[in-house]
Amino acid sequence: MTRRKLTTEEVDLWHKVVEHTEKLNPGSHSAPPALPLPKPKPMKHPQPKLDRFDIGSMAKPKPAKHELKPSPARQLAQAPLKMDEKSFRRMKRGKLKPEGKLDLHGMRVDGAHPALTRFILSAQASGKRLVLVVTGKGKDRDEPGPMPIPRGVLRHHVPQWLALPPLAQAVLQVTPAHVTHGGEGAYYVYLRRSR
């Protein structure tokens, strides 16, 4: 509990009480206690001029993250647009209906590549323009090792296969599918017209 300071009225009242009372030991105190002196006002010292400081200005920069391989969606987003922009926007929003679908779920790389090649070349030969290739999102590895393994092996390989011969001359544009058609686990493949 902190003590409060006495006001001047309280001190004056105390001195009046002291004057009208009898002392138990006369002569021990000849005069009443003096009023407490007021606190001295603090002197203003000139503040030293400090340089401007911004929070974090002295912090070391964070080390750059090592991204060994960008995600397929980021790679495809950086690819130049080769088809009609209006059709591309409609395709990205899921407004265009795919004319064919290839589901690669559960397939291994050695079986998926020939199946993709057959499907794309036969779809182009039959005059189809937009097809859907479903790869799946992939599953997490049970035991992560020292080497990073990308999630979804087929999801990473399919855009590469579509950019290489013999599929490169058949494919005009590749983009991740809309959520209604599989989202990150599927690709829209817009084919060139066969001549």
C-alpha atoms as a PDB file:
ATOM      1  CA  MET A   1       0.000   0.000   0.000  1.00  0.00           C
ATOM      2  CA  THR A   2       1.477   3.374  -0.968  1.00  0.00           C
ATOM      3  CA  ARG A   3       1.337   6.370   1.292  1.00  0.00           C
ATOM      4  CA  ARG A   4      -0.188   9.552   0.038  1.00  0.00           C
ATOM      5  CA  LYS A   5       1.260  13.012   0.695  1.00  0.00           C
ATOM      6  CA  LEU A   6      -0.399  15.251   3.247  1.00  0.00           C
ATOM      7  CA  THR A   7      -2.078  18.359   1.959  1.00  0.00           C
ATOM      8  CA  THR A   8      -1.236  21.777   3.439  1.00  0.00           C
ATOM      9  CA  GLU A   9      -4.614  21.905   5.241  1.00  0.00           C
ATOM     10  CA  GLU A  10      -3.893  18.549   6.882  1.00  0.00           C
ATOM     11  CA  VAL A  11      -0.465  19.721   7.969  1.00  0.00           C
ATOM     12  CA  ASP A  12      -1.940  22.960   9.425  1.00  0.00           C
ATOM     13  CA  LEU A  13      -4.575  20.911  11.262  1.00  0.00           C
ATOM     14  CA  TRP A  14      -1.867  18.684  12.697  1.00  0.00           C
ATOM     15  CA  HIS A  15       0.107  21.687  13.988  1.00  0.00           C
ATOM     16  CA  LYS A  16      -3.026  23.020  15.730  1.00  0.00           C
ATOM     17  CA  VAL A  17      -3.619  19.632  17.367  1.00  0.00           C
ATOM     18  CA  VAL A  18      -0.004  19.519  18.535  1.00  0.00           C
ATOM     19  CA  GLU A  19      -0.246  23.016  20.102  1.00  0.00           C
ATOM     20  CA  HIS A  20      -3.317  22.124  22.215  1.00  0.00           C
ATOM     21  CA  THR A  21      -2.118  18.783  23.537  1.00  0.00           C
ATOM     22  CA  GLU A  22       0.022  18.080  26.559  1.00  0.00           C
ATOM     23  CA  LYS A  23       3.371  16.469  26.022  1.00  0.00           C
ATOM     24  CA  LEU A  24       4.109  13.151  27.708  1.00  0.00           C
ATOM     25  CA  ASN A  25       7.799  13.957  27.928  1.00  0.00           C
ATOM     26  CA  PRO A  26       8.174  17.697  28.107  1.00  0.00           C
ATOM     27  CA  GLY A  27      11.415  19.035  26.673  1.00  0.00           C
ATOM     28  CA  SER A  28      12.041  16.191  24.255  1.00  0.00           C
ATOM     29  CA  HIS A  29      10.708  18.224  21.348  1.00  0.00           C
ATOM     30  CA  SER A  30      11.065  21.922  21.595  1.00  0.00           C
ATOM     31  CA  ALA A  31       9.518  22.807  18.241  1.00  0.00           C
ATOM     32  CA  PRO A  32       6.947  21.117  16.037  1.00  0.00           C
ATOM     33  CA  PRO A  33       8.304  19.255  13.035  1.00  0.00           C
ATOM     34  CA  ALA A  34       8.929  21.464  10.007  1.00  0.00           C
ATOM     35  CA  LEU A  35       6.765  21.285   6.931  1.00  0.00           C
ATOM     36  CA  PRO A  36       8.091  18.961   4.276  1.00  0.00           C
ATOM     37  CA  LEU A  37       9.989  20.754   1.584  1.00  0.00           C
ATOM     38  CA  PRO A  38       8.499  20.701  -1.899  1.00  0.00           C
ATOM     39  CA  LYS A  39      10.138  18.377  -4.348  1.00  0.00           C
ATOM     40  CA  PRO A  40      12.678  20.081  -6.546  1.00  0.00           C
ATOM     41  CA  LYS A  41      11.580  20.441 -10.129  1.00  0.00           C
ATOM     42  CA  PRO A  42      13.610  18.286 -12.449  1.00  0.00           C
ATOM     43  CA  MET A  43      16.043  20.150 -14.617  1.00  0.00           C
ATOM     44  CA  LYS A  44      15.717  19.620 -18.310  1.00  0.00           C
ATOM     45  CA  HIS A  45      18.902  18.217 -19.725  1.00  0.00           C
ATOM     46  CA  PRO A  46      19.388  18.446 -23.471  1.00  0.00           C
ATOM     47  CA  GLN A  47      18.533  15.150 -25.094  1.00  0.00           C
ATOM     48  CA  PRO A  48      21.287  13.649 -27.199  1.00  0.00           C
ATOM     49  CA  LYS A  49      20.351  13.661 -30.855  1.00  0.00           C
ATOM     50  CA  LEU A  50      19.865  10.106 -32.066  1.00  0.00           C
ATOM     51  CA  ASP A  51      19.936   8.918 -35.631  1.00  0.00           C
ATOM     52  CA  ARG A  52      16.630   7.780 -37.071  1.00  0.00           C
ATOM     53  CA  PHE A  53      15.994   4.112 -36.353  1.00  0.00           C
ATOM     54  CA  ASP A  54      13.537   1.920 -38.194  1.00  0.00           C
ATOM     55  CA  ILE A  55      12.502  -1.404 -36.757  1.00  0.00           C
ATOM     56  CA  GLY A  56      14.306  -4.173 -38.535  1.00  0.00           C
ATOM     57  CA  SER A  57      16.798  -1.901 -40.297  1.00  0.00           C
ATOM     58  CA  MET A  58      19.727  -3.644 -38.626  1.00  0.00           C
ATOM     59  CA  ALA A  59      18.370  -7.160 -39.129  1.00  0.00           C
ATOM     60  CA  LYS A  60      20.175  -9.493 -41.436  1.00  0.00           C
ATOM     61  CA  PRO A  61      18.252 -10.359 -44.597  1.00  0.00           C
ATOM     62  CA  LYS A  62      16.584 -13.753 -44.655  1.00  0.00           C
ATOM     63  CA  PRO A  63      18.382 -16.294 -46.775  1.00  0.00           C
ATOM     64  CA  ALA A  64      16.764 -16.957 -50.121  1.00  0.00           C
ATOM     65  CA  LYS A  65      14.604 -20.049 -50.219  1.00  0.00           C
ATOM     66  CA  HIS A  66      15.899 -22.688 -52.549  1.00  0.00           C
ATOM     67  CA  GLU A  67      13.116 -23.770 -54.797  1.00  0.00           C
ATOM     68  CA  LEU A  68      14.537 -26.621 -56.752  1.00  0.00           C
ATOM     69  CA  LYS A  69      11.680 -26.797 -59.193  1.00  0.00           C
ATOM     70  CA  PRO A  70       8.729 -24.421 -59.554  1.00  0.00           C
ATOM     71  CA  SER A  71       5.251 -25.894 -59.377  1.00  0.00           C
ATOM     72  CA  PRO A  72       3.612 -26.931 -62.662  1.00  0.00           C
ATOM     73  CA  ALA A  73       0.902 -24.278 -62.212  1.00  0.00           C
ATOM     74  CA  ARG A  74       3.554 -21.547 -61.912  1.00  0.00           C
ATOM     75  CA  GLN A  75       5.429 -22.826 -64.949  1.00  0.00           C
ATOM     76  CA  LEU A  76       2.250 -22.887 -67.027  1.00  0.00           C
ATOM     77  CA  ALA A  77       1.238 -19.399 -65.834  1.00  0.00           C
ATOM     78  CA  GLN A  78       4.558 -18.031 -67.090  1.00  0.00           C
ATOM     79  CA  ALA A  79       4.117 -19.641 -70.515  1.00  0.00           C
ATOM     80  CA  PRO A  80       3.080 -17.229 -73.294  1.00  0.00           C
ATOM     81  CA  LEU A  81      -0.538 -17.246 -74.437  1.00  0.00           C
ATOM     82  CA  LYS A  82      -0.821 -18.928 -77.853  1.00  0.00           C
ATOM     83  CA  MET A  83      -4.598 -19.133 -78.212  1.00  0.00           C
ATOM     84  CA  ASP A  84      -7.463 -16.649 -78.362  1.00  0.00           C
ATOM     85  CA  GLU A  85      -7.559 -14.659 -75.099  1.00  0.00           C
ATOM     86  CA  LYS A  86     -11.350 -14.757 -74.801  1.00  0.00           C
ATOM     87  CA  SER A  87     -11.429 -18.539 -75.260  1.00  0.00           C
ATOM     88  CA  PHE A  88      -8.557 -18.896 -72.793  1.00  0.00           C
ATOM     89  CA  ARG A  89     -10.438 -16.936 -70.110  1.00  0.00           C
ATOM     90  CA  ARG A  90     -13.587 -19.011 -70.668  1.00  0.00           C
ATOM     91  CA  MET A  91     -11.532 -22.204 -70.495  1.00  0.00           C
ATOM     92  CA  LYS A  92      -9.817 -21.142 -67.215  1.00  0.00           C
ATOM     93  CA  ARG A  93     -13.233 -20.374 -65.644  1.00  0.00           C
ATOM     94  CA  GLY A  94     -14.525 -23.835 -66.595  1.00  0.00           C
ATOM     95  CA  LYS A  95     -17.041 -22.479 -69.139  1.00  0.00           C
ATOM     96  CA  LEU A  96     -15.728 -24.615 -72.027  1.00  0.00           C
ATOM     97  CA  LYS A  97     -16.660 -28.276 -71.854  1.00  0.00           C
ATOM     98  CA  PRO A  98     -13.824 -30.717 -72.621  1.00  0.00           C
ATOM     99  CA  GLU A  99     -14.526 -32.978 -75.605  1.00  0.00           C
ATOM    100  CA  GLY A 100     -12.449 -35.842 -74.261  1.00  0.00           C
ATOM    101  CA  LYS A 101     -10.942 -37.013 -70.987  1.00  0.00           C
ATOM    102  CA  LEU A 102      -7.949 -39.156 -70.059  1.00  0.00           C
ATOM    103  CA  ASP A 103      -7.656 -40.320 -66.451  1.00  0.00           C
ATOM    104  CA  LEU A 104      -4.103 -41.246 -65.423  1.00  0.00           C
ATOM    105  CA  HIS A 105      -4.954 -42.027 -61.776  1.00  0.00           C
ATOM    106  CA  GLY A 106      -3.022 -45.016 -60.486  1.00  0.00           C
ATOM    107  CA  MET A 107      -0.772 -45.276 -63.540  1.00  0.00           C
ATOM    108  CA  ARG A 108       2.994 -45.375 -63.409  1.00  0.00           C
ATOM    109  CA  VAL A 109       5.221 -43.098 -65.451  1.00  0.00           C
ATOM    110  CA  ASP A 110       6.168 -45.822 -67.928  1.00  0.00           C
ATOM    111  CA  GLY A 111       2.506 -46.560 -68.708  1.00  0.00           C
ATOM    112  CA  ALA A 112       1.181 -43.011 -68.500  1.00  0.00           C
ATOM    113  CA  HIS A 113       3.477 -41.500 -71.151  1.00  0.00           C
ATOM    114  CA  PRO A 114       2.418 -43.815 -74.034  1.00  0.00           C
ATOM    115  CA  ALA A 115      -1.250 -43.532 -72.989  1.00  0.00           C
ATOM    116  CA  LEU A 116      -1.007 -39.717 -73.061  1.00  0.00           C
ATOM    117  CA  THR A 117       0.697 -39.747 -76.467  1.00  0.00           C
ATOM    118  CA  ARG A 118      -1.986 -42.036 -77.966  1.00  0.00           C
ATOM    119  CA  PHE A 119      -4.823 -39.991 -76.448  1.00  0.00           C
ATOM    120  CA  ILE A 120      -3.567 -36.560 -77.593  1.00  0.00           C
ATOM    121  CA  LEU A 121      -2.694 -37.633 -81.144  1.00  0.00           C
ATOM    122  CA  SER A 122      -5.991 -39.496 -81.628  1.00  0.00           C
ATOM    123  CA  ALA A 123      -7.986 -36.565 -80.170  1.00  0.00           C
ATOM    124  CA  GLN A 124      -6.305 -34.163 -82.602  1.00  0.00           C
ATOM    125  CA  ALA A 125      -6.887 -36.552 -85.510  1.00  0.00           C
ATOM    126  CA  SER A 126     -10.600 -36.770 -84.661  1.00  0.00           C
ATOM    127  CA  GLY A 127     -10.894 -32.944 -84.653  1.00  0.00           C
ATOM    128  CA  LYS A 128     -11.256 -32.331 -80.920  1.00  0.00           C
ATOM    129  CA  ARG A 129     -10.027 -28.966 -79.615  1.00  0.00           C
ATOM    130  CA  LEU A 130     -10.212 -29.178 -75.811  1.00  0.00           C
ATOM    131  CA  VAL A 131      -9.396 -32.296 -73.817  1.00  0.00           C
ATOM    132  CA  LEU A 132      -8.933 -32.907 -70.105  1.00  0.00           C
ATOM    133  CA  VAL A 133      -5.987 -34.881 -68.730  1.00  0.00           C
ATOM    134  CA  VAL A 134      -6.512 -35.940 -65.096  1.00  0.00           C
ATOM    135  CA  THR A 135      -3.279 -36.685 -63.244  1.00  0.00           C
ATOM    136  CA  GLY A 136      -4.414 -36.473 -59.628  1.00  0.00           C
ATOM    137  CA  LYS A 137      -2.752 -34.279 -57.041  1.00  0.00           C
ATOM    138  CA  GLY A 138      -0.418 -37.003 -55.868  1.00  0.00           C
ATOM    139  CA  LYS A 139       0.070 -38.275 -52.365  1.00  0.00           C
ATOM    140  CA  ASP A 140       2.566 -37.362 -49.687  1.00  0.00           C
ATOM    141  CA  ARG A 141       5.449 -39.722 -49.152  1.00  0.00           C
ATOM    142  CA  ASP A 142       5.332 -41.755 -45.959  1.00  0.00           C
ATOM    143  CA  GLU A 143       8.998 -41.295 -45.151  1.00  0.00           C
ATOM    144  CA  PRO A 144      10.579 -38.080 -46.402  1.00  0.00           C
ATOM    145  CA  GLY A 145      14.210 -38.624 -47.280  1.00  0.00           C
ATOM    146  CA  PRO A 146      17.154 -36.267 -47.692  1.00  0.00           C
ATOM    147  CA  MET A 147      16.216 -35.492 -51.297  1.00  0.00           C
ATOM    148  CA  PRO A 148      12.987 -33.537 -51.840  1.00  0.00           C
ATOM    149  CA  ILE A 149      10.498 -35.498 -53.938  1.00  0.00           C
ATOM    150  CA  PRO A 150       7.776 -33.443 -55.619  1.00  0.00           C
ATOM    151  CA  ARG A 151       4.240 -34.390 -54.729  1.00  0.00           C
ATOM    152  CA  GLY A 152       2.414 -35.858 -57.693  1.00  0.00           C
ATOM    153  CA  VAL A 153       4.922 -37.337 -60.132  1.00  0.00           C
ATOM    154  CA  LEU A 154       2.488 -37.422 -63.059  1.00  0.00           C
ATOM    155  CA  ARG A 155       1.306 -33.904 -62.266  1.00  0.00           C
ATOM    156  CA  HIS A 156       4.891 -32.707 -62.843  1.00  0.00           C
ATOM    157  CA  HIS A 157       5.650 -34.904 -65.857  1.00  0.00           C
ATOM    158  CA  VAL A 158       2.534 -34.347 -67.993  1.00  0.00           C
ATOM    159  CA  PRO A 159       3.261 -30.644 -68.849  1.00  0.00           C
ATOM    160  CA  GLN A 160       6.815 -31.626 -69.801  1.00  0.00           C
ATOM    161  CA  TRP A 161       5.621 -34.448 -72.044  1.00  0.00           C
ATOM    162  CA  LEU A 162       3.127 -32.138 -73.734  1.00  0.00           C
ATOM    163  CA  ALA A 163       5.946 -29.687 -74.552  1.00  0.00           C
ATOM    164  CA  LEU A 164       8.134 -32.350 -76.181  1.00  0.00           C
ATOM    165  CA  PRO A 165       7.766 -34.018 -79.599  1.00  0.00           C
ATOM    166  CA  PRO A 166       5.602 -35.696 -80.872  1.00  0.00           C
ATOM    167  CA  LEU A 167       2.967 -33.933 -78.728  1.00  0.00           C
ATOM    168  CA  ALA A 168       4.381 -30.411 -79.041  1.00  0.00           C
ATOM    169  CA  GLN A 169       3.077 -29.928 -82.601  1.00  0.00           C
ATOM    170  CA  ALA A 170      -0.418 -31.061 -81.532  1.00  0.00           C
ATOM    171  CA  VAL A 171      -0.751 -28.943 -78.375  1.00  0.00           C
ATOM    172  CA  LEU A 172      -1.522 -25.227 -78.539  1.00  0.00           C
ATOM    173  CA  GLN A 173      -2.014 -24.394 -74.833  1.00  0.00           C
ATOM    174  CA  VAL A 174      -1.865 -26.216 -71.476  1.00  0.00           C
ATOM    175  CA  THR A 175      -3.309 -24.804 -68.259  1.00  0.00           C
ATOM    176  CA  PRO A 176      -4.450 -26.191 -64.898  1.00  0.00           C
ATOM    177  CA  ALA A 177      -8.117 -27.151 -64.912  1.00  0.00           C
ATOM    178  CA  HIS A 178     -10.953 -25.333 -63.156  1.00  0.00           C
ATOM    179  CA  VAL A 179     -12.087 -26.765 -59.816  1.00  0.00           C
ATOM    180  CA  THR A 180     -15.185 -28.267 -61.441  1.00  0.00           C
ATOM    181  CA  HIS A 181     -12.937 -30.373 -63.689  1.00  0.00           C
ATOM    182  CA  GLY A 182     -10.310 -31.410 -61.136  1.00  0.00           C
ATOM    183  CA  GLY A 183      -8.436 -28.245 -60.156  1.00  0.00           C
ATOM    184  CA  GLU A 184      -4.732 -28.781 -59.504  1.00  0.00           C
ATOM    185  CA  GLY A 185      -5.037 -32.476 -60.288  1.00  0.00           C
ATOM    186  CA  ALA A 186      -6.016 -31.988 -63.951  1.00  0.00           C
ATOM    187  CA  TYR A 187      -4.948 -30.033 -67.043  1.00  0.00           C
ATOM    188  CA  TYR A 188      -6.852 -28.506 -69.924  1.00  0.00           C
ATOM    189  CA  VAL A 189      -5.050 -29.278 -73.174  1.00  0.00           C
ATOM    190  CA  TYR A 190      -6.126 -27.064 -76.066  1.00  0.00           C
ATOM    191  CA  LEU A 191      -5.191 -28.752 -79.358  1.00  0.00           C
ATOM    192  CA  ARG A 192      -4.226 -27.295 -82.700  1.00  0.00           C
ATOM    193  CA  ARG A 193      -6.450 -27.944 -85.692  1.00  0.00           C
ATOM    194  CA  SER A 194      -5.194 -30.897 -87.698  1.00  0.00           C
ATOM    195  CA  ARG A 195      -4.203 -29.944 -91.251  1.00  0.00           C
END
